[in-house]
Amino acid sequence: MYGVSPAGQSSGKPDRRPNRGSKYQADTTLYRIAVTRIRWDERTQTYLQRRTAEGMSEHEAVQCLKRHTARKLCRHIQSSVTTPLSSTA
């Protein structure tokens, strides 16, 4: 997934930087979606509070939210592509 998979490190610890092979525009778009959801959606605010209470930093919780959004968008796009168009003839 563009922009949300962390780059690996030799020490075994996950890196906070986005994958170097990611697309900047896709990452930026996912970030803006996440920030908008955090600001306006109560479910997302609750999710962020729960994740930070579990010991995650806010940055890590936003990364999780971006991955969730990317998976949801991929499923939506794939379902719209595989759904045959109805004939209007």
Protein backbone atom coordinates (compact mmCIF):
# COMPACT_ATOMS: atom_id res chain seq x y z
CA MET A 1 0.00 0.00 0.00
CA TYR A 2 1.32 3.37 -0.93
CA GLY A 3 2.85 5.40 1.86
CA VAL A 4 1.74 3.39 4.85
CA SER A 5 4.12 0.45 5.01
CA PRO A 6 7.10 1.25 7.25
CA ALA A 7 10.62 0.90 5.91
CA GLY A 8 12.65 -1.89 7.49
CA GLN A 9 15.70 -1.43 9.70
CA SER A 10 18.57 -3.75 10.34
CA SER A 11 18.08 -3.54 14.13
CA GLY A 12 14.68 -5.20 13.87
CA LYS A 13 12.79 -2.17 15.13
CA PRO A 14 10.15 -0.71 12.79
CA ASP A 15 11.03 2.62 11.31
CA ARG A 16 8.63 5.55 11.53
CA ARG A 17 9.52 6.85 8.10
CA PRO A 18 7.19 5.87 5.26
CA ASN A 19 8.57 3.35 2.82
CA ARG A 20 11.02 5.05 0.43
CA GLY A 21 9.20 3.45 -2.49
CA SER A 22 5.90 5.04 -1.53
CA LYS A 23 4.02 7.64 -3.48
CA TYR A 24 4.10 11.05 -1.82
CA GLN A 25 0.68 12.15 -3.08
CA ALA A 26 -1.01 8.95 -1.91
CA ASP A 27 0.61 9.26 1.52
CA THR A 28 -0.41 12.90 1.80
CA THR A 29 -3.98 12.09 0.80
CA LEU A 30 -4.23 9.30 3.37
CA TYR A 31 -2.82 11.62 6.02
CA ARG A 32 -5.39 14.32 5.21
CA ILE A 33 -8.21 11.79 5.36
CA ALA A 34 -6.93 10.57 8.75
CA VAL A 35 -6.61 14.08 10.18
CA THR A 36 -10.08 15.02 8.95
CA ARG A 37 -11.55 11.87 10.50
CA ILE A 38 -9.74 12.56 13.78
CA ARG A 39 -11.11 16.08 13.84
CA TRP A 40 -14.75 15.33 12.97
CA ASP A 41 -15.58 11.64 13.48
CA GLU A 42 -16.33 10.58 17.07
CA ARG A 43 -15.57 6.91 16.35
CA THR A 44 -12.13 7.85 15.06
CA GLN A 45 -11.49 10.06 18.09
CA THR A 46 -12.41 7.15 20.36
CA TYR A 47 -10.12 4.85 18.37
CA LEU A 48 -7.22 7.30 18.71
CA GLN A 49 -7.78 7.63 22.48
CA ARG A 50 -7.91 3.84 22.86
CA ARG A 51 -4.71 3.33 20.88
CA THR A 52 -2.81 5.97 22.86
CA ALA A 53 -4.10 4.43 26.10
CA GLU A 54 -2.64 1.10 24.89
CA GLY A 55 0.78 2.76 24.78
CA MET A 56 1.02 3.82 21.15
CA SER A 57 2.21 7.28 20.30
CA GLU A 58 -0.24 9.50 18.43
CA HIS A 59 1.95 9.18 15.34
CA GLU A 60 1.76 5.38 15.44
CA ALA A 61 -2.02 5.52 15.92
CA VAL A 62 -2.36 7.80 12.88
CA GLN A 63 -0.24 5.34 10.86
CA CYS A 64 -2.66 2.55 11.87
CA LEU A 65 -5.58 4.73 10.84
CA LYS A 66 -3.94 5.43 7.46
CA ARG A 67 -3.44 1.69 6.88
CA HIS A 68 -7.08 1.04 7.77
CA THR A 69 -8.21 3.78 5.37
CA ALA A 70 -6.00 2.42 2.59
CA ARG A 71 -7.41 -1.11 3.02
CA LYS A 72 -10.96 0.24 2.99
CA LEU A 73 -10.31 2.28 -0.16
CA CYS A 74 -8.67 -0.70 -1.90
CA ARG A 75 -11.68 -2.91 -1.15
CA HIS A 76 -14.04 -0.21 -2.42
CA ILE A 77 -12.06 0.27 -5.63
CA GLN A 78 -11.75 -3.47 -6.23
CA SER A 79 -15.49 -4.03 -5.70
CA SER A 80 -16.36 -1.20 -8.10
CA VAL A 81 -14.02 -2.62 -10.75
CA THR A 82 -15.32 -6.18 -10.47
CA THR A 83 -18.98 -5.15 -10.47
CA PRO A 84 -20.24 -5.41 -14.06
CA LEU A 85 -21.89 -2.33 -15.49
CA SER A 86 -25.57 -2.72 -16.30
CA SER A 87 -26.54 -2.42 -19.93
CA THR A 88 -28.57 0.67 -20.82
CA ALA A 89 -29.47 -0.52 -24.33
